[in-house]
Amino acid sequence: MVQSIVRDAVQIKMKLKSESPLISVYEFCYAAGLGLKISGMEEKAAEEIRDMEDFLKLKDKVKELLREDKNLDEYPQGERLKSLILGCRIRGEMSEDARALFDMGYQNK
């Protein structure tokens, strides 16, 4: 898997005017890492979320944390990022690639 393609896909979806949902665990993990970084979450706390084994629990936790976060609303395309995360309905499983993309998002690379 080419991680930069996943990153670019999420960045493009943040800029699109039309709805284009996250379509993979990888896209969600990148978006989640980015969203948690923008929200101001400490790295240690973000790592605990990233290390969760159950993707659905991770997804629910990220949604819970970002639902009311105002920092995303002030970030360029942050409202769109929040919408992508909160609207995500995919299911899947965590993997090392997914964790690497979470880290990539958190480090905003």
PDB file of N, CA and C in Angstrom:
ATOM      1  N   MET A   1       0.840  -1.179   0.000  1.00  0.00           N
ATOM      2  CA  MET A   1       0.000   0.000   0.000  1.00  0.00           C
ATOM      3  C   MET A   1       0.883   1.239   0.000  1.00  0.00           C
ATOM      4  N   VAL A   2       0.471   2.226  -0.750  1.00  0.00           N
ATOM      5  CA  VAL A   2       1.191   3.486  -0.807  1.00  0.00           C
ATOM      6  C   VAL A   2       0.454   4.479   0.100  1.00  0.00           C
ATOM      7  N   GLN A   3       1.085   4.772   1.226  1.00  0.00           N
ATOM      8  CA  GLN A   3       0.436   5.605   2.231  1.00  0.00           C
ATOM      9  C   GLN A   3       0.144   7.014   1.729  1.00  0.00           C
ATOM     10  N   SER A   4       0.995   7.534   0.884  1.00  0.00           N
ATOM     11  CA  SER A   4       0.779   8.898   0.398  1.00  0.00           C
ATOM     12  C   SER A   4      -0.500   9.013  -0.437  1.00  0.00           C
ATOM     13  N   ILE A   5      -0.907   7.924  -1.079  1.00  0.00           N
ATOM     14  CA  ILE A   5      -2.151   7.949  -1.860  1.00  0.00           C
ATOM     15  C   ILE A   5      -3.350   8.087  -0.922  1.00  0.00           C
ATOM     16  N   VAL A   6      -3.323   7.376   0.195  1.00  0.00           N
ATOM     17  CA  VAL A   6      -4.405   7.478   1.178  1.00  0.00           C
ATOM     18  C   VAL A   6      -4.451   8.893   1.745  1.00  0.00           C
ATOM     19  N   ARG A   7      -3.275   9.423   2.109  1.00  0.00           N
ATOM     20  CA  ARG A   7      -3.203  10.792   2.636  1.00  0.00           C
ATOM     21  C   ARG A   7      -3.780  11.776   1.629  1.00  0.00           C
ATOM     22  N   ASP A   8      -3.359  11.658   0.379  1.00  0.00           N
ATOM     23  CA  ASP A   8      -3.835  12.574  -0.658  1.00  0.00           C
ATOM     24  C   ASP A   8      -5.342  12.457  -0.860  1.00  0.00           C
ATOM     25  N   ALA A   9      -5.862  11.238  -0.795  1.00  0.00           N
ATOM     26  CA  ALA A   9      -7.310  11.041  -0.961  1.00  0.00           C
ATOM     27  C   ALA A   9      -8.083  11.778   0.131  1.00  0.00           C
ATOM     28  N   VAL A  10      -7.625  11.683   1.362  1.00  0.00           N
ATOM     29  CA  VAL A  10      -8.313  12.371   2.464  1.00  0.00           C
ATOM     30  C   VAL A  10      -8.187  13.884   2.296  1.00  0.00           C
ATOM     31  N   GLN A  11      -7.011  14.356   1.935  1.00  0.00           N
ATOM     32  CA  GLN A  11      -6.812  15.800   1.734  1.00  0.00           C
ATOM     33  C   GLN A  11      -7.730  16.326   0.626  1.00  0.00           C
ATOM     34  N   ILE A  12      -7.872  15.560  -0.443  1.00  0.00           N
ATOM     35  CA  ILE A  12      -8.765  15.966  -1.537  1.00  0.00           C
ATOM     36  C   ILE A  12     -10.215  15.979  -1.058  1.00  0.00           C
ATOM     37  N   LYS A  13     -10.616  14.949  -0.324  1.00  0.00           N
ATOM     38  CA  LYS A  13     -11.994  14.876   0.171  1.00  0.00           C
ATOM     39  C   LYS A  13     -12.311  16.023   1.111  1.00  0.00           C
ATOM     40  N   MET A  14     -11.311  16.521   1.815  1.00  0.00           N
ATOM     41  CA  MET A  14     -11.520  17.666   2.705  1.00  0.00           C
ATOM     42  C   MET A  14     -11.807  18.934   1.910  1.00  0.00           C
ATOM     43  N   LYS A  15     -11.331  19.003   0.667  1.00  0.00           N
ATOM     44  CA  LYS A  15     -11.479  20.207  -0.149  1.00  0.00           C
ATOM     45  C   LYS A  15     -12.662  20.166  -1.107  1.00  0.00           C
ATOM     46  N   LEU A  16     -13.185  18.982  -1.371  1.00  0.00           N
ATOM     47  CA  LEU A  16     -14.300  18.854  -2.308  1.00  0.00           C
ATOM     48  C   LEU A  16     -15.563  19.509  -1.777  1.00  0.00           C
ATOM     49  N   LYS A  17     -16.305  20.120  -2.671  1.00  0.00           N
ATOM     50  CA  LYS A  17     -17.578  20.715  -2.278  1.00  0.00           C
ATOM     51  C   LYS A  17     -18.670  19.653  -2.170  1.00  0.00           C
ATOM     52  N   SER A  18     -18.563  18.608  -2.981  1.00  0.00           N
ATOM     53  CA  SER A  18     -19.558  17.538  -2.935  1.00  0.00           C
ATOM     54  C   SER A  18     -19.130  16.478  -1.919  1.00  0.00           C
ATOM     55  N   GLU A  19     -20.102  15.753  -1.421  1.00  0.00           N
ATOM     56  CA  GLU A  19     -19.856  14.719  -0.425  1.00  0.00           C
ATOM     57  C   GLU A  19     -19.083  13.559  -1.052  1.00  0.00           C
ATOM     58  N   SER A  20     -18.000  13.194  -0.423  1.00  0.00           N
ATOM     59  CA  SER A  20     -17.203  12.052  -0.852  1.00  0.00           C
ATOM     60  C   SER A  20     -16.705  11.368   0.420  1.00  0.00           C
ATOM     61  N   PRO A  21     -17.391  10.341   0.883  1.00  0.00           N
ATOM     62  CA  PRO A  21     -17.100   9.750   2.191  1.00  0.00           C
ATOM     63  C   PRO A  21     -15.777   8.992   2.248  1.00  0.00           C
ATOM     64  N   LEU A  22     -15.300   8.792   3.456  1.00  0.00           N
ATOM     65  CA  LEU A  22     -14.140   7.943   3.683  1.00  0.00           C
ATOM     66  C   LEU A  22     -14.546   6.514   3.333  1.00  0.00           C
ATOM     67  N   ILE A  23     -13.677   5.796   2.628  1.00  0.00           N
ATOM     68  CA  ILE A  23     -14.084   4.482   2.123  1.00  0.00           C
ATOM     69  C   ILE A  23     -13.234   3.324   2.629  1.00  0.00           C
ATOM     70  N   SER A  24     -12.316   3.597   3.542  1.00  0.00           N
ATOM     71  CA  SER A  24     -11.487   2.505   4.041  1.00  0.00           C
ATOM     72  C   SER A  24     -11.035   2.774   5.467  1.00  0.00           C
ATOM     73  N   VAL A  25     -10.619   1.727   6.126  1.00  0.00           N
ATOM     74  CA  VAL A  25     -10.032   1.845   7.461  1.00  0.00           C
ATOM     75  C   VAL A  25      -8.822   2.766   7.387  1.00  0.00           C
ATOM     76  N   TYR A  26      -8.065   2.661   6.309  1.00  0.00           N
ATOM     77  CA  TYR A  26      -6.859   3.471   6.157  1.00  0.00           C
ATOM     78  C   TYR A  26      -7.191   4.955   6.077  1.00  0.00           C
ATOM     79  N   GLU A  27      -8.189   5.304   5.263  1.00  0.00           N
ATOM     80  CA  GLU A  27      -8.587   6.707   5.174  1.00  0.00           C
ATOM     81  C   GLU A  27      -9.091   7.208   6.518  1.00  0.00           C
ATOM     82  N   PHE A  28      -9.898   6.398   7.208  1.00  0.00           N
ATOM     83  CA  PHE A  28     -10.406   6.831   8.496  1.00  0.00           C
ATOM     84  C   PHE A  28      -9.262   7.042   9.478  1.00  0.00           C
ATOM     85  N   CYS A  29      -8.310   6.136   9.508  1.00  0.00           N
ATOM     86  CA  CYS A  29      -7.206   6.249  10.469  1.00  0.00           C
ATOM     87  C   CYS A  29      -6.359   7.488  10.207  1.00  0.00           C
ATOM     88  N   TYR A  30      -6.098   7.791   8.939  1.00  0.00           N
ATOM     89  CA  TYR A  30      -5.361   9.019   8.636  1.00  0.00           C
ATOM     90  C   TYR A  30      -6.166  10.235   9.114  1.00  0.00           C
ATOM     91  N   ALA A  31      -7.443  10.272   8.762  1.00  0.00           N
ATOM     92  CA  ALA A  31      -8.306  11.394   9.152  1.00  0.00           C
ATOM     93  C   ALA A  31      -8.401  11.509  10.675  1.00  0.00           C
ATOM     94  N   ALA A  32      -8.497  10.384  11.360  1.00  0.00           N
ATOM     95  CA  ALA A  32      -8.597  10.388  12.820  1.00  0.00           C
ATOM     96  C   ALA A  32      -7.334  10.953  13.451  1.00  0.00           C
ATOM     97  N   GLY A  33      -6.176  10.518  12.968  1.00  0.00           N
ATOM     98  CA  GLY A  33      -4.924  11.048  13.499  1.00  0.00           C
ATOM     99  C   GLY A  33      -4.828  12.543  13.290  1.00  0.00           C
ATOM    100  N   LEU A  34      -5.179  13.009  12.105  1.00  0.00           N
ATOM    101  CA  LEU A  34      -5.152  14.437  11.804  1.00  0.00           C
ATOM    102  C   LEU A  34      -6.142  15.197  12.683  1.00  0.00           C
ATOM    103  N   GLY A  35      -7.351  14.670  12.787  1.00  0.00           N
ATOM    104  CA  GLY A  35      -8.377  15.332  13.603  1.00  0.00           C
ATOM    105  C   GLY A  35      -7.980  15.437  15.067  1.00  0.00           C
ATOM    106  N   LEU A  36      -7.409  14.383  15.611  1.00  0.00           N
ATOM    107  CA  LEU A  36      -7.000  14.406  17.018  1.00  0.00           C
ATOM    108  C   LEU A  36      -5.834  15.359  17.240  1.00  0.00           C
ATOM    109  N   LYS A  37      -4.932  15.463  16.266  1.00  0.00           N
ATOM    110  CA  LYS A  37      -3.824  16.422  16.365  1.00  0.00           C
ATOM    111  C   LYS A  37      -4.362  17.847  16.376  1.00  0.00           C
ATOM    112  N   ILE A  38      -5.265  18.143  15.447  1.00  0.00           N
ATOM    113  CA  ILE A  38      -5.850  19.480  15.365  1.00  0.00           C
ATOM    114  C   ILE A  38      -6.608  19.811  16.646  1.00  0.00           C
ATOM    115  N   SER A  39      -7.249  18.810  17.231  1.00  0.00           N
ATOM    116  CA  SER A  39      -8.029  19.042  18.452  1.00  0.00           C
ATOM    117  C   SER A  39      -7.138  19.356  19.650  1.00  0.00           C
ATOM    118  N   GLY A  40      -5.843  19.077  19.520  1.00  0.00           N
ATOM    119  CA  GLY A  40      -4.920  19.361  20.609  1.00  0.00           C
ATOM    120  C   GLY A  40      -4.644  18.178  21.521  1.00  0.00           C
ATOM    121  N   MET A  41      -5.029  16.994  21.105  1.00  0.00           N
ATOM    122  CA  MET A  41      -4.811  15.816  21.940  1.00  0.00           C
ATOM    123  C   MET A  41      -3.320  15.554  22.108  1.00  0.00           C
ATOM    124  N   GLU A  42      -2.932  15.254  23.328  1.00  0.00           N
ATOM    125  CA  GLU A  42      -1.541  14.912  23.629  1.00  0.00           C
ATOM    126  C   GLU A  42      -1.157  13.627  22.904  1.00  0.00           C
ATOM    127  N   GLU A  43       0.115  13.521  22.553  1.00  0.00           N
ATOM    128  CA  GLU A  43       0.594  12.372  21.785  1.00  0.00           C
ATOM    129  C   GLU A  43       0.360  11.047  22.505  1.00  0.00           C
ATOM    130  N   LYS A  44       0.588  11.008  23.801  1.00  0.00           N
ATOM    131  CA  LYS A  44       0.411   9.771  24.581  1.00  0.00           C
ATOM    132  C   LYS A  44      -1.046   9.284  24.499  1.00  0.00           C
ATOM    133  N   ALA A  45      -1.991  10.204  24.649  1.00  0.00           N
ATOM    134  CA  ALA A  45      -3.413   9.851  24.578  1.00  0.00           C
ATOM    135  C   ALA A  45      -3.776   9.375  23.169  1.00  0.00           C
ATOM    136  N   ALA A  46      -3.215  10.023  22.148  1.00  0.00           N
ATOM    137  CA  ALA A  46      -3.478   9.617  20.768  1.00  0.00           C
ATOM    138  C   ALA A  46      -2.924   8.217  20.508  1.00  0.00           C
ATOM    139  N   GLU A  47      -1.760   7.921  21.072  1.00  0.00           N
ATOM    140  CA  GLU A  47      -1.173   6.591  20.906  1.00  0.00           C
ATOM    141  C   GLU A  47      -2.056   5.509  21.524  1.00  0.00           C
ATOM    142  N   GLU A  48      -2.681   5.820  22.650  1.00  0.00           N
ATOM    143  CA  GLU A  48      -3.576   4.843  23.281  1.00  0.00           C
ATOM    144  C   GLU A  48      -4.761   4.525  22.377  1.00  0.00           C
ATOM    145  N   ILE A  49      -5.278   5.540  21.715  1.00  0.00           N
ATOM    146  CA  ILE A  49      -6.388   5.313  20.785  1.00  0.00           C
ATOM    147  C   ILE A  49      -5.887   4.532  19.575  1.00  0.00           C
ATOM    148  N   ARG A  50      -4.753   4.941  19.021  1.00  0.00           N
ATOM    149  CA  ARG A  50      -4.184   4.254  17.861  1.00  0.00           C
ATOM    150  C   ARG A  50      -3.944   2.774  18.126  1.00  0.00           C
ATOM    151  N   ASP A  51      -3.578   2.437  19.333  1.00  0.00           N
ATOM    152  CA  ASP A  51      -3.239   1.056  19.670  1.00  0.00           C
ATOM    153  C   ASP A  51      -4.453   0.175  19.966  1.00  0.00           C
ATOM    154  N   MET A  52      -5.651   0.722  19.896  1.00  0.00           N
ATOM    155  CA  MET A  52      -6.848  -0.090  20.124  1.00  0.00           C
ATOM    156  C   MET A  52      -6.913  -1.182  19.055  1.00  0.00           C
ATOM    157  N   GLU A  53      -7.281  -2.375  19.461  1.00  0.00           N
ATOM    158  CA  GLU A  53      -7.340  -3.516  18.541  1.00  0.00           C
ATOM    159  C   GLU A  53      -8.626  -3.553  17.719  1.00  0.00           C
ATOM    160  N   ASP A  54      -9.720  -3.085  18.295  1.00  0.00           N
ATOM    161  CA  ASP A  54     -11.039  -3.145  17.664  1.00  0.00           C
ATOM    162  C   ASP A  54     -11.301  -1.844  16.903  1.00  0.00           C
ATOM    163  N   PHE A  55     -11.367  -1.929  15.572  1.00  0.00           N
ATOM    164  CA  PHE A  55     -11.566  -0.730  14.762  1.00  0.00           C
ATOM    165  C   PHE A  55     -12.858  -0.002  15.112  1.00  0.00           C
ATOM    166  N   LEU A  56     -13.940  -0.735  15.323  1.00  0.00           N
ATOM    167  CA  LEU A  56     -15.215  -0.073  15.619  1.00  0.00           C
ATOM    168  C   LEU A  56     -15.151   0.704  16.929  1.00  0.00           C
ATOM    169  N   LYS A  57     -14.454   0.168  17.924  1.00  0.00           N
ATOM    170  CA  LYS A  57     -14.290   0.897  19.186  1.00  0.00           C
ATOM    171  C   LYS A  57     -13.411   2.129  18.985  1.00  0.00           C
ATOM    172  N   LEU A  58     -12.372   1.997  18.191  1.00  0.00           N
ATOM    173  CA  LEU A  58     -11.523   3.140  17.879  1.00  0.00           C
ATOM    174  C   LEU A  58     -12.339   4.217  17.178  1.00  0.00           C
ATOM    175  N   LYS A  59     -13.106   3.813  16.188  1.00  0.00           N
ATOM    176  CA  LYS A  59     -13.924   4.760  15.431  1.00  0.00           C
ATOM    177  C   LYS A  59     -14.919   5.475  16.345  1.00  0.00           C
ATOM    178  N   ASP A  60     -15.588   4.727  17.213  1.00  0.00           N
ATOM    179  CA  ASP A  60     -16.544   5.334  18.143  1.00  0.00           C
ATOM    180  C   ASP A  60     -15.862   6.307  19.099  1.00  0.00           C
ATOM    181  N   LYS A  61     -14.675   5.960  19.571  1.00  0.00           N
ATOM    182  CA  LYS A  61     -13.939   6.826  20.498  1.00  0.00           C
ATOM    183  C   LYS A  61     -13.538   8.124  19.815  1.00  0.00           C
ATOM    184  N   VAL A  62     -13.027   8.037  18.596  1.00  0.00           N
ATOM    185  CA  VAL A  62     -12.622   9.230  17.854  1.00  0.00           C
ATOM    186  C   VAL A  62     -13.836  10.120  17.602  1.00  0.00           C
ATOM    187  N   LYS A  63     -14.941   9.523  17.185  1.00  0.00           N
ATOM    188  CA  LYS A  63     -16.160  10.305  16.944  1.00  0.00           C
ATOM    189  C   LYS A  63     -16.620  11.005  18.220  1.00  0.00           C
ATOM    190  N   GLU A  64     -16.592  10.289  19.326  1.00  0.00           N
ATOM    191  CA  GLU A  64     -17.003  10.860  20.615  1.00  0.00           C
ATOM    192  C   GLU A  64     -16.134  12.070  20.969  1.00  0.00           C
ATOM    193  N   LEU A  65     -14.838  11.951  20.774  1.00  0.00           N
ATOM    194  CA  LEU A  65     -13.911  13.024  21.129  1.00  0.00           C
ATOM    195  C   LEU A  65     -14.030  14.236  20.213  1.00  0.00           C
ATOM    196  N   LEU A  66     -14.301  14.016  18.945  1.00  0.00           N
ATOM    197  CA  LEU A  66     -14.299  15.125  17.990  1.00  0.00           C
ATOM    198  C   LEU A  66     -15.669  15.744  17.744  1.00  0.00           C
ATOM    199  N   ARG A  67     -16.722  15.072  18.177  1.00  0.00           N
ATOM    200  CA  ARG A  67     -18.080  15.557  17.913  1.00  0.00           C
ATOM    201  C   ARG A  67     -18.269  17.013  18.350  1.00  0.00           C
ATOM    202  N   GLU A  68     -17.824  17.363  19.528  1.00  0.00           N
ATOM    203  CA  GLU A  68     -18.034  18.711  20.069  1.00  0.00           C
ATOM    204  C   GLU A  68     -16.778  19.578  20.028  1.00  0.00           C
ATOM    205  N   ASP A  69     -15.721  19.105  19.401  1.00  0.00           N
ATOM    206  CA  ASP A  69     -14.457  19.840  19.393  1.00  0.00           C
ATOM    207  C   ASP A  69     -14.556  21.093  18.524  1.00  0.00           C
ATOM    208  N   LYS A  70     -14.175  22.218  19.092  1.00  0.00           N
ATOM    209  CA  LYS A  70     -14.261  23.497  18.373  1.00  0.00           C
ATOM    210  C   LYS A  70     -12.984  23.809  17.601  1.00  0.00           C
ATOM    211  N   ASN A  71     -11.866  23.180  17.953  1.00  0.00           N
ATOM    212  CA  ASN A  71     -10.611  23.452  17.243  1.00  0.00           C
ATOM    213  C   ASN A  71     -10.708  23.063  15.769  1.00  0.00           C
ATOM    214  N   LEU A  72     -11.423  22.009  15.484  1.00  0.00           N
ATOM    215  CA  LEU A  72     -11.592  21.593  14.094  1.00  0.00           C
ATOM    216  C   LEU A  72     -12.372  22.634  13.300  1.00  0.00           C
ATOM    217  N   ASP A  73     -13.317  23.294  13.945  1.00  0.00           N
ATOM    218  CA  ASP A  73     -14.136  24.295  13.257  1.00  0.00           C
ATOM    219  C   ASP A  73     -13.308  25.499  12.816  1.00  0.00           C
ATOM    220  N   GLU A  74     -12.197  25.752  13.492  1.00  0.00           N
ATOM    221  CA  GLU A  74     -11.361  26.910  13.191  1.00  0.00           C
ATOM    222  C   GLU A  74     -10.217  26.578  12.240  1.00  0.00           C
ATOM    223  N   TYR A  75      -9.969  25.307  11.994  1.00  0.00           N
ATOM    224  CA  TYR A  75      -8.882  24.857  11.118  1.00  0.00           C
ATOM    225  C   TYR A  75      -9.357  24.893   9.662  1.00  0.00           C
ATOM    226  N   PRO A  76      -8.467  25.291   8.714  1.00  0.00           N
ATOM    227  CA  PRO A  76      -8.890  25.262   7.298  1.00  0.00           C
ATOM    228  C   PRO A  76      -9.366  23.865   6.894  1.00  0.00           C
ATOM    229  N   GLN A  77     -10.532  23.763   6.379  1.00  0.00           N
ATOM    230  CA  GLN A  77     -11.217  22.519   6.009  1.00  0.00           C
ATOM    231  C   GLN A  77     -11.465  21.598   7.203  1.00  0.00           C
ATOM    232  N   GLY A  78     -11.341  22.133   8.403  1.00  0.00           N
ATOM    233  CA  GLY A  78     -11.553  21.335   9.610  1.00  0.00           C
ATOM    234  C   GLY A  78     -12.991  20.879   9.781  1.00  0.00           C
ATOM    235  N   GLU A  79     -13.929  21.736   9.403  1.00  0.00           N
ATOM    236  CA  GLU A  79     -15.343  21.341   9.498  1.00  0.00           C
ATOM    237  C   GLU A  79     -15.622  20.174   8.561  1.00  0.00           C
ATOM    238  N   ARG A  80     -15.003  20.207   7.411  1.00  0.00           N
ATOM    239  CA  ARG A  80     -15.183  19.108   6.450  1.00  0.00           C
ATOM    240  C   ARG A  80     -14.544  17.831   6.977  1.00  0.00           C
ATOM    241  N   LEU A  81     -13.361  17.952   7.580  1.00  0.00           N
ATOM    242  CA  LEU A  81     -12.701  16.798   8.187  1.00  0.00           C
ATOM    243  C   LEU A  81     -13.584  16.185   9.263  1.00  0.00           C
ATOM    244  N   LYS A  82     -14.157  17.032  10.092  1.00  0.00           N
ATOM    245  CA  LYS A  82     -15.050  16.546  11.141  1.00  0.00           C
ATOM    246  C   LYS A  82     -16.246  15.828  10.523  1.00  0.00           C
ATOM    247  N   SER A  83     -16.807  16.378   9.481  1.00  0.00           N
ATOM    248  CA  SER A  83     -17.942  15.757   8.799  1.00  0.00           C
ATOM    249  C   SER A  83     -17.564  14.394   8.223  1.00  0.00           C
ATOM    250  N   LEU A  84     -16.381  14.296   7.639  1.00  0.00           N
ATOM    251  CA  LEU A  84     -15.917  13.008   7.098  1.00  0.00           C
ATOM    252  C   LEU A  84     -15.793  11.963   8.202  1.00  0.00           C
ATOM    253  N   ILE A  85     -15.226  12.368   9.332  1.00  0.00           N
ATOM    254  CA  ILE A  85     -15.029  11.438  10.449  1.00  0.00           C
ATOM    255  C   ILE A  85     -16.363  11.032  11.050  1.00  0.00           C
ATOM    256  N   LEU A  86     -17.209  12.014  11.344  1.00  0.00           N
ATOM    257  CA  LEU A  86     -18.488  11.709  11.997  1.00  0.00           C
ATOM    258  C   LEU A  86     -19.440  10.949  11.091  1.00  0.00           C
ATOM    259  N   GLY A  87     -19.314  11.120   9.793  1.00  0.00           N
ATOM    260  CA  GLY A  87     -20.199  10.446   8.848  1.00  0.00           C
ATOM    261  C   GLY A  87     -19.707   9.079   8.403  1.00  0.00           C
ATOM    262  N   CYS A  88     -18.550   8.685   8.864  1.00  0.00           N
ATOM    263  CA  CYS A  88     -17.956   7.421   8.422  1.00  0.00           C
ATOM    264  C   CYS A  88     -18.749   6.223   8.937  1.00  0.00           C
ATOM    265  N   ARG A  89     -19.092   5.307   8.025  1.00  0.00           N
ATOM    266  CA  ARG A  89     -19.865   4.117   8.384  1.00  0.00           C
ATOM    267  C   ARG A  89     -19.145   2.817   8.047  1.00  0.00           C
ATOM    268  N   ILE A  90     -17.897   2.909   7.676  1.00  0.00           N
ATOM    269  CA  ILE A  90     -17.181   1.697   7.280  1.00  0.00           C
ATOM    270  C   ILE A  90     -16.885   0.792   8.463  1.00  0.00           C
ATOM    271  N   ARG A  91     -16.695  -0.454   8.144  1.00  0.00           N
ATOM    272  CA  ARG A  91     -16.292  -1.464   9.127  1.00  0.00           C
ATOM    273  C   ARG A  91     -14.993  -2.061   8.628  1.00  0.00           C
ATOM    274  N   GLY A  92     -14.242  -2.614   9.513  1.00  0.00           N
ATOM    275  CA  GLY A  92     -12.988  -3.226   9.100  1.00  0.00           C
ATOM    276  C   GLY A  92     -12.173  -3.619  10.307  1.00  0.00           C
ATOM    277  N   GLU A  93     -10.922  -3.883  10.063  1.00  0.00           N
ATOM    278  CA  GLU A  93     -10.040  -4.323  11.127  1.00  0.00           C
ATOM    279  C   GLU A  93      -8.783  -3.474  11.133  1.00  0.00           C
ATOM    280  N   MET A  94      -8.230  -3.321  12.309  1.00  0.00           N
ATOM    281  CA  MET A  94      -6.986  -2.579  12.459  1.00  0.00           C
ATOM    282  C   MET A  94      -5.825  -3.423  11.941  1.00  0.00           C
ATOM    283  N   SER A  95      -4.805  -2.735  11.471  1.00  0.00           N
ATOM    284  CA  SER A  95      -3.586  -3.377  10.993  1.00  0.00           C
ATOM    285  C   SER A  95      -2.425  -2.433  11.259  1.00  0.00           C
ATOM    286  N   GLU A  96      -1.235  -2.919  11.038  1.00  0.00           N
ATOM    287  CA  GLU A  96      -0.061  -2.052  11.213  1.00  0.00           C
ATOM    288  C   GLU A  96      -0.078  -0.915  10.200  1.00  0.00           C
ATOM    289  N   ASP A  97      -0.560  -1.173   8.990  1.00  0.00           N
ATOM    290  CA  ASP A  97      -0.674  -0.113   7.992  1.00  0.00           C
ATOM    291  C   ASP A  97      -1.658   0.966   8.450  1.00  0.00           C
ATOM    292  N   ALA A  98      -2.764   0.543   9.038  1.00  0.00           N
ATOM    293  CA  ALA A  98      -3.753   1.503   9.534  1.00  0.00           C
ATOM    294  C   ALA A  98      -3.145   2.354  10.654  1.00  0.00           C
ATOM    295  N   ARG A  99      -2.395   1.727  11.533  1.00  0.00           N
ATOM    296  CA  ARG A  99      -1.739   2.470  12.623  1.00  0.00           C
ATOM    297  C   ARG A  99      -0.699   3.449  12.072  1.00  0.00           C
ATOM    298  N   ALA A 100       0.018   3.035  11.047  1.00  0.00           N
ATOM    299  CA  ALA A 100       1.007   3.912  10.428  1.00  0.00           C
ATOM    300  C   ALA A 100       0.326   5.137   9.808  1.00  0.00           C
ATOM    301  N   LEU A 101      -0.840   4.935   9.216  1.00  0.00           N
ATOM    302  CA  LEU A 101      -1.579   6.059   8.640  1.00  0.00           C
ATOM    303  C   LEU A 101      -2.151   6.970   9.722  1.00  0.00           C
ATOM    304  N   PHE A 102      -2.567   6.404  10.844  1.00  0.00           N
ATOM    305  CA  PHE A 102      -3.003   7.215  11.981  1.00  0.00           C
ATOM    306  C   PHE A 102      -1.855   8.131  12.394  1.00  0.00           C
ATOM    307  N   ASP A 103      -0.654   7.529  12.547  1.00  0.00           N
ATOM    308  CA  ASP A 103       0.524   8.324  12.926  1.00  0.00           C
ATOM    309  C   ASP A 103       0.849   9.398  11.884  1.00  0.00           C
ATOM    310  N   MET A 104       0.710   9.035  10.627  1.00  0.00           N
ATOM    311  CA  MET A 104       0.970   9.990   9.543  1.00  0.00           C
ATOM    312  C   MET A 104       0.016  11.180   9.653  1.00  0.00           C
ATOM    313  N   GLY A 105      -1.251  10.915   9.938  1.00  0.00           N
ATOM    314  CA  GLY A 105      -2.213  11.985  10.114  1.00  0.00           C
ATOM    315  C   GLY A 105      -1.895  12.821  11.341  1.00  0.00           C
ATOM    316  N   TYR A 106      -1.564  12.164  12.429  1.00  0.00           N
ATOM    317  CA  TYR A 106      -1.256  12.881  13.674  1.00  0.00           C
ATOM    318  C   TYR A 106      -0.025  13.769  13.482  1.00  0.00           C
ATOM    319  N   GLN A 107       0.937  13.283  12.719  1.00  0.00           N
ATOM    320  CA  GLN A 107       2.147  14.074  12.465  1.00  0.00           C
ATOM    321  C   GLN A 107       1.938  15.064  11.323  1.00  0.00           C
ATOM    322  N   ASN A 108       0.749  14.987  10.698  1.00  0.00           N
ATOM    323  CA  ASN A 108       0.339  15.891   9.618  1.00  0.00           C
ATOM    324  C   ASN A 108       1.357  15.892   8.479  1.00  0.00           C
ATOM    325  N   LYS A 109       1.688  14.685   8.042  1.00  0.00           N
ATOM    326  CA  LYS A 109       2.628  14.546   6.913  1.00  0.00           C
ATOM    327  C   LYS A 109       1.876  14.135   5.672  1.00  0.00           C
TER     328      LYS A 109
END
